[in-house]
Amino acid sequence: MQESLHRATLLCADDDASVTARVRAMLSDTYDIVATAGDGAEALEHALQLRPDFAILDISMPRMDGLTVARQMRKADSPTKVIFLTLIQDDDYIAIAKQIGNGYVLKKKLASDLVQALESAASGEFYCSI
């Protein structure tokens, strides 16, 4: 009997639809993208309802920023591994991301670093593209 392999599930949240489209194009062969969101409140709703293996969150989003989404997920004991995808190059943000997330990827390094960040998060390591 053949065992079915679990494809890791993923939520992607960014207020720029072209970013979520790029992430989907890059990862849909490997990950089951269960939801996308255009703002933080929608991302939190999906994250708590679907409990994906990974959440890729933009830091700067309407209605709720990605850091707040991740904090709320942690308060709800969500096991989801969080990768922040951002334009922000700032040590303070990186320090916060290390406390509540599993990775920090600059949008300009999306193509080269996102898969590595997901692999690092899966093995329990924090990844930073800076």
N, C-alpha and C. Protein backbone atom coordinates (compact mmCIF):
# COMPACT_ATOMS: atom_id res chain seq x y z
N MET A 1 0.84 -1.17 0.00
CA MET A 1 0.00 0.00 0.00
C MET A 1 0.89 1.24 0.00
N GLN A 2 0.55 2.20 -0.82
CA GLN A 2 1.34 3.42 -0.95
C GLN A 2 0.82 4.47 0.02
N GLU A 3 1.74 5.05 0.79
CA GLU A 3 1.36 6.12 1.71
C GLU A 3 1.22 7.42 0.94
N SER A 4 0.22 8.22 1.32
CA SER A 4 0.10 9.52 0.67
C SER A 4 1.02 10.50 1.41
N LEU A 5 1.71 11.29 0.66
CA LEU A 5 2.62 12.27 1.24
C LEU A 5 1.87 13.56 1.50
N HIS A 6 2.14 14.14 2.65
CA HIS A 6 1.51 15.41 3.02
C HIS A 6 2.25 16.56 2.34
N ARG A 7 1.51 17.33 1.56
CA ARG A 7 2.08 18.56 1.01
C ARG A 7 1.88 19.65 2.04
N ALA A 8 2.93 20.34 2.36
CA ALA A 8 2.83 21.41 3.35
C ALA A 8 1.86 22.47 2.85
N THR A 9 1.05 22.99 3.77
CA THR A 9 0.07 24.02 3.44
C THR A 9 0.63 25.40 3.73
N LEU A 10 0.15 26.38 2.97
CA LEU A 10 0.73 27.71 3.04
C LEU A 10 -0.35 28.77 2.84
N LEU A 11 -0.26 29.82 3.63
CA LEU A 11 -1.08 31.02 3.49
C LEU A 11 -0.14 32.15 3.07
N CYS A 12 -0.54 32.95 2.10
CA CYS A 12 0.26 34.10 1.68
C CYS A 12 -0.58 35.36 1.81
N ALA A 13 -0.08 36.35 2.54
CA ALA A 13 -0.81 37.59 2.74
C ALA A 13 0.06 38.79 2.37
N ASP A 14 -0.43 39.57 1.43
CA ASP A 14 0.25 40.79 0.99
C ASP A 14 -0.79 41.68 0.33
N ASP A 15 -0.72 42.98 0.58
CA ASP A 15 -1.69 43.89 -0.04
C ASP A 15 -1.36 44.17 -1.50
N ASP A 16 -0.26 43.66 -1.99
CA ASP A 16 0.11 43.77 -3.41
C ASP A 16 -0.18 42.42 -4.06
N ALA A 17 -1.23 42.37 -4.87
CA ALA A 17 -1.65 41.11 -5.50
C ALA A 17 -0.57 40.51 -6.38
N SER A 18 0.31 41.35 -6.93
CA SER A 18 1.38 40.80 -7.76
C SER A 18 2.37 39.98 -6.93
N VAL A 19 2.54 40.33 -5.67
CA VAL A 19 3.43 39.56 -4.79
C VAL A 19 2.82 38.19 -4.50
N THR A 20 1.53 38.16 -4.14
CA THR A 20 0.90 36.87 -3.87
C THR A 20 0.89 36.01 -5.13
N ALA A 21 0.74 36.62 -6.29
CA ALA A 21 0.78 35.87 -7.55
C ALA A 21 2.17 35.28 -7.78
N ARG A 22 3.21 36.05 -7.48
CA ARG A 22 4.59 35.54 -7.64
C ARG A 22 4.86 34.38 -6.68
N VAL A 23 4.40 34.53 -5.45
CA VAL A 23 4.60 33.46 -4.46
C VAL A 23 3.86 32.20 -4.92
N ARG A 24 2.63 32.36 -5.38
CA ARG A 24 1.86 31.22 -5.87
C ARG A 24 2.58 30.54 -7.03
N ALA A 25 3.07 31.33 -7.97
CA ALA A 25 3.77 30.77 -9.13
C ALA A 25 5.04 30.03 -8.71
N MET A 26 5.75 30.57 -7.73
CA MET A 26 7.00 29.95 -7.27
C MET A 26 6.78 28.66 -6.50
N LEU A 27 5.70 28.61 -5.71
CA LEU A 27 5.57 27.55 -4.71
C LEU A 27 4.47 26.53 -4.95
N SER A 28 3.58 26.79 -5.90
CA SER A 28 2.40 25.91 -6.03
C SER A 28 2.73 24.48 -6.44
N ASP A 29 3.88 24.24 -7.02
CA ASP A 29 4.26 22.87 -7.36
C ASP A 29 4.69 22.07 -6.13
N THR A 30 5.10 22.78 -5.08
CA THR A 30 5.64 22.13 -3.89
C THR A 30 4.72 22.23 -2.68
N TYR A 31 4.02 23.35 -2.56
CA TYR A 31 3.17 23.62 -1.40
C TYR A 31 1.71 23.71 -1.83
N ASP A 32 0.82 23.37 -0.91
CA ASP A 32 -0.61 23.54 -1.13
C ASP A 32 -0.98 24.92 -0.59
N ILE A 33 -1.19 25.86 -1.50
CA ILE A 33 -1.51 27.23 -1.09
C ILE A 33 -3.00 27.28 -0.78
N VAL A 34 -3.32 27.26 0.51
CA VAL A 34 -4.71 27.11 0.95
C VAL A 34 -5.47 28.42 0.96
N ALA A 35 -4.76 29.55 1.00
CA ALA A 35 -5.44 30.85 1.00
C ALA A 35 -4.44 31.96 0.72
N THR A 36 -4.99 33.05 0.17
CA THR A 36 -4.24 34.30 0.06
C THR A 36 -5.11 35.38 0.70
N ALA A 37 -4.46 36.44 1.14
CA ALA A 37 -5.18 37.53 1.79
C ALA A 37 -4.56 38.85 1.37
N GLY A 38 -5.40 39.87 1.28
CA GLY A 38 -4.94 41.19 0.88
C GLY A 38 -4.76 42.16 2.03
N ASP A 39 -5.09 41.71 3.25
CA ASP A 39 -4.88 42.56 4.42
C ASP A 39 -4.67 41.67 5.64
N GLY A 40 -4.23 42.27 6.71
CA GLY A 40 -3.87 41.50 7.89
C GLY A 40 -5.04 40.84 8.60
N ALA A 41 -6.18 41.52 8.66
CA ALA A 41 -7.34 40.93 9.33
C ALA A 41 -7.80 39.67 8.61
N GLU A 42 -7.83 39.73 7.30
CA GLU A 42 -8.20 38.56 6.50
C GLU A 42 -7.16 37.44 6.69
N ALA A 43 -5.89 37.81 6.74
CA ALA A 43 -4.82 36.82 6.95
C ALA A 43 -4.99 36.11 8.29
N LEU A 44 -5.28 36.87 9.34
CA LEU A 44 -5.46 36.27 10.66
C LEU A 44 -6.65 35.32 10.66
N GLU A 45 -7.74 35.73 10.05
CA GLU A 45 -8.92 34.87 9.97
C GLU A 45 -8.58 33.54 9.29
N HIS A 46 -7.91 33.62 8.14
CA HIS A 46 -7.52 32.39 7.42
C HIS A 46 -6.54 31.55 8.26
N ALA A 47 -5.58 32.21 8.88
CA ALA A 47 -4.56 31.48 9.65
C ALA A 47 -5.18 30.70 10.81
N LEU A 48 -6.11 31.34 11.52
CA LEU A 48 -6.71 30.67 12.67
C LEU A 48 -7.70 29.59 12.25
N GLN A 49 -8.37 29.80 11.14
CA GLN A 49 -9.34 28.81 10.66
C GLN A 49 -8.66 27.62 10.00
N LEU A 50 -7.69 27.89 9.13
CA LEU A 50 -7.07 26.83 8.32
C LEU A 50 -5.84 26.19 8.97
N ARG A 51 -5.18 26.93 9.87
CA ARG A 51 -3.97 26.46 10.55
C ARG A 51 -2.96 25.86 9.57
N PRO A 52 -2.51 26.66 8.60
CA PRO A 52 -1.55 26.15 7.62
C PRO A 52 -0.19 25.87 8.27
N ASP A 53 0.61 25.09 7.58
CA ASP A 53 1.96 24.81 8.08
C ASP A 53 2.82 26.08 8.08
N PHE A 54 2.63 26.91 7.05
CA PHE A 54 3.41 28.14 6.89
C PHE A 54 2.49 29.32 6.57
N ALA A 55 2.89 30.50 7.04
CA ALA A 55 2.23 31.75 6.65
C ALA A 55 3.32 32.71 6.19
N ILE A 56 3.16 33.23 5.00
CA ILE A 56 4.06 34.26 4.48
C ILE A 56 3.31 35.57 4.62
N LEU A 57 3.82 36.46 5.45
CA LEU A 57 3.11 37.69 5.79
C LEU A 57 3.92 38.92 5.44
N ASP A 58 3.29 39.83 4.69
CA ASP A 58 3.86 41.16 4.50
C ASP A 58 3.79 41.87 5.85
N ILE A 59 4.77 42.66 6.18
CA ILE A 59 4.71 43.40 7.44
C ILE A 59 3.74 44.57 7.33
N SER A 60 3.79 45.32 6.24
CA SER A 60 2.96 46.51 6.08
C SER A 60 1.71 46.18 5.26
N MET A 61 0.60 45.96 5.97
CA MET A 61 -0.68 45.67 5.30
C MET A 61 -1.77 46.50 5.94
N PRO A 62 -2.85 46.75 5.20
CA PRO A 62 -3.99 47.46 5.78
C PRO A 62 -4.71 46.61 6.83
N ARG A 63 -5.45 47.27 7.68
CA ARG A 63 -6.31 46.70 8.72
C ARG A 63 -5.55 46.04 9.86
N MET A 64 -4.42 45.41 9.58
CA MET A 64 -3.59 44.82 10.62
C MET A 64 -2.24 44.48 10.00
N ASP A 65 -1.16 44.91 10.64
CA ASP A 65 0.16 44.62 10.06
C ASP A 65 0.55 43.17 10.32
N GLY A 66 1.52 42.69 9.57
CA GLY A 66 1.93 41.29 9.67
C GLY A 66 2.50 40.91 11.03
N LEU A 67 3.16 41.83 11.71
CA LEU A 67 3.69 41.53 13.04
C LEU A 67 2.55 41.29 14.02
N THR A 68 1.49 42.09 13.93
CA THR A 68 0.33 41.90 14.79
C THR A 68 -0.38 40.59 14.46
N VAL A 69 -0.48 40.27 13.19
CA VAL A 69 -1.07 38.99 12.79
C VAL A 69 -0.31 37.85 13.46
N ALA A 70 1.01 37.87 13.37
CA ALA A 70 1.83 36.81 13.96
C ALA A 70 1.67 36.76 15.48
N ARG A 71 1.61 37.92 16.12
CA ARG A 71 1.42 37.94 17.58
C ARG A 71 0.08 37.30 17.95
N GLN A 72 -0.96 37.64 17.21
CA GLN A 72 -2.29 37.07 17.48
C GLN A 72 -2.30 35.56 17.23
N MET A 73 -1.59 35.12 16.21
CA MET A 73 -1.48 33.69 15.95
C MET A 73 -0.80 32.99 17.12
N ARG A 74 0.26 33.58 17.65
CA ARG A 74 0.97 32.98 18.78
C ARG A 74 0.07 32.94 20.02
N LYS A 75 -0.71 34.01 20.25
CA LYS A 75 -1.63 34.03 21.39
C LYS A 75 -2.65 32.89 21.29
N ALA A 76 -3.00 32.53 20.06
CA ALA A 76 -3.97 31.44 19.83
C ALA A 76 -3.28 30.08 19.75
N ASP A 77 -2.00 30.04 20.12
CA ASP A 77 -1.20 28.80 20.10
C ASP A 77 -1.15 28.16 18.71
N SER A 78 -1.10 28.99 17.70
CA SER A 78 -0.98 28.47 16.34
C SER A 78 0.40 27.87 16.12
N PRO A 79 0.47 26.67 15.56
CA PRO A 79 1.76 26.05 15.26
C PRO A 79 2.36 26.52 13.93
N THR A 80 1.64 27.38 13.22
CA THR A 80 2.07 27.84 11.90
C THR A 80 3.42 28.54 11.98
N LYS A 81 4.31 28.19 11.08
CA LYS A 81 5.60 28.86 10.98
C LYS A 81 5.43 30.10 10.12
N VAL A 82 5.92 31.23 10.59
CA VAL A 82 5.69 32.52 9.94
C VAL A 82 6.97 33.04 9.30
N ILE A 83 6.86 33.38 8.02
CA ILE A 83 7.94 34.04 7.29
C ILE A 83 7.44 35.44 6.95
N PHE A 84 8.18 36.46 7.37
CA PHE A 84 7.83 37.83 7.03
C PHE A 84 8.47 38.17 5.69
N LEU A 85 7.68 38.74 4.80
CA LEU A 85 8.14 39.16 3.48
C LEU A 85 7.94 40.67 3.42
N THR A 86 9.02 41.42 3.23
CA THR A 86 8.91 42.86 3.44
C THR A 86 9.91 43.67 2.62
N LEU A 87 9.64 44.95 2.54
CA LEU A 87 10.58 45.91 1.96
C LEU A 87 11.47 46.53 3.04
N ILE A 88 11.11 46.30 4.30
CA ILE A 88 11.76 46.97 5.43
C ILE A 88 13.07 46.30 5.80
N GLN A 89 14.16 47.07 5.71
CA GLN A 89 15.48 46.63 6.16
C GLN A 89 15.79 47.36 7.46
N ASP A 90 15.48 46.72 8.59
CA ASP A 90 15.63 47.39 9.87
C ASP A 90 15.92 46.35 10.96
N ASP A 91 16.98 46.57 11.72
CA ASP A 91 17.37 45.61 12.75
C ASP A 91 16.30 45.43 13.82
N ASP A 92 15.56 46.49 14.15
CA ASP A 92 14.51 46.37 15.16
C ASP A 92 13.40 45.43 14.68
N TYR A 93 13.02 45.56 13.42
CA TYR A 93 11.99 44.66 12.87
C TYR A 93 12.50 43.22 12.83
N ILE A 94 13.75 43.04 12.49
CA ILE A 94 14.32 41.69 12.45
C ILE A 94 14.31 41.08 13.84
N ALA A 95 14.65 41.86 14.86
CA ALA A 95 14.64 41.36 16.24
C ALA A 95 13.23 40.92 16.65
N ILE A 96 12.23 41.70 16.29
CA ILE A 96 10.84 41.33 16.59
C ILE A 96 10.47 40.06 15.83
N ALA A 97 10.86 40.00 14.56
CA ALA A 97 10.55 38.83 13.74
C ALA A 97 11.16 37.56 14.34
N LYS A 98 12.34 37.66 14.91
CA LYS A 98 12.98 36.49 15.53
C LYS A 98 12.20 36.01 16.75
N GLN A 99 11.56 36.95 17.45
CA GLN A 99 10.79 36.59 18.64
C GLN A 99 9.47 35.90 18.30
N ILE A 100 8.84 36.32 17.21
CA ILE A 100 7.48 35.82 16.92
C ILE A 100 7.37 35.06 15.61
N GLY A 101 8.46 34.98 14.86
CA GLY A 101 8.38 34.34 13.55
C GLY A 101 9.54 33.39 13.31
N ASN A 102 9.62 32.93 12.06
CA ASN A 102 10.62 31.93 11.69
C ASN A 102 11.51 32.37 10.53
N GLY A 103 11.22 33.55 9.97
CA GLY A 103 12.04 34.02 8.87
C GLY A 103 11.72 35.45 8.48
N TYR A 104 12.68 36.08 7.81
CA TYR A 104 12.56 37.48 7.39
C TYR A 104 13.19 37.59 6.01
N VAL A 105 12.36 37.81 5.00
CA VAL A 105 12.83 37.84 3.61
C VAL A 105 12.49 39.19 2.99
N LEU A 106 13.48 39.82 2.42
CA LEU A 106 13.25 41.07 1.69
C LEU A 106 12.57 40.76 0.37
N LYS A 107 11.62 41.59 -0.01
CA LYS A 107 10.90 41.35 -1.27
C LYS A 107 11.83 41.35 -2.46
N LYS A 108 12.89 42.15 -2.41
CA LYS A 108 13.82 42.17 -3.54
C LYS A 108 14.60 40.86 -3.65
N LYS A 109 14.56 40.03 -2.60
CA LYS A 109 15.24 38.73 -2.61
C LYS A 109 14.24 37.57 -2.61
N LEU A 110 13.01 37.88 -2.94
CA LEU A 110 11.95 36.87 -2.94
C LEU A 110 12.34 35.64 -3.74
N ALA A 111 12.74 35.83 -4.98
CA ALA A 111 13.04 34.70 -5.87
C ALA A 111 14.20 33.86 -5.37
N SER A 112 15.20 34.49 -4.79
CA SER A 112 16.39 33.75 -4.38
C SER A 112 16.31 33.18 -2.96
N ASP A 113 15.50 33.78 -2.10
CA ASP A 113 15.57 33.43 -0.67
C ASP A 113 14.33 32.77 -0.07
N LEU A 114 13.17 32.88 -0.70
CA LEU A 114 11.95 32.41 -0.05
C LEU A 114 11.96 30.90 0.20
N VAL A 115 12.35 30.12 -0.77
CA VAL A 115 12.37 28.66 -0.59
C VAL A 115 13.34 28.29 0.53
N GLN A 116 14.49 28.91 0.56
CA GLN A 116 15.47 28.64 1.62
C GLN A 116 14.90 29.02 2.99
N ALA A 117 14.17 30.13 3.06
CA ALA A 117 13.55 30.54 4.33
C ALA A 117 12.53 29.50 4.79
N LEU A 118 11.73 28.99 3.88
CA LEU A 118 10.74 27.96 4.23
C LEU A 118 11.43 26.68 4.71
N GLU A 119 12.48 26.29 4.02
CA GLU A 119 13.22 25.08 4.42
C GLU A 119 13.87 25.26 5.79
N SER A 120 14.42 26.44 6.04
CA SER A 120 15.01 26.72 7.36
C SER A 120 13.95 26.67 8.45
N ALA A 121 12.81 27.30 8.19
CA ALA A 121 11.72 27.30 9.17
C ALA A 121 11.24 25.88 9.45
N ALA A 122 11.15 25.07 8.42
CA ALA A 122 10.70 23.68 8.59
C ALA A 122 11.65 22.90 9.49
N SER A 123 12.93 23.26 9.47
CA SER A 123 13.91 22.55 10.31
C SER A 123 14.15 23.26 11.64
N GLY A 124 13.33 24.28 11.94
CA GLY A 124 13.42 24.95 13.23
C GLY A 124 14.43 26.07 13.32
N GLU A 125 14.95 26.51 12.19
CA GLU A 125 15.93 27.59 12.19
C GLU A 125 15.30 28.88 11.67
N PHE A 126 15.83 30.01 12.14
CA PHE A 126 15.39 31.32 11.67
C PHE A 126 16.23 31.71 10.47
N TYR A 127 15.58 32.22 9.43
CA TYR A 127 16.29 32.64 8.22
C TYR A 127 16.09 34.15 8.04
N CYS A 128 17.17 34.84 7.70
CA CYS A 128 17.10 36.27 7.42
C CYS A 128 17.87 36.56 6.15
N SER A 129 17.24 37.24 5.20
CA SER A 129 17.89 37.50 3.92
C SER A 129 18.75 38.76 3.92
N ILE A 130 18.90 39.40 5.05
CA ILE A 130 19.74 40.60 5.12
C ILE A 130 21.13 40.21 5.55
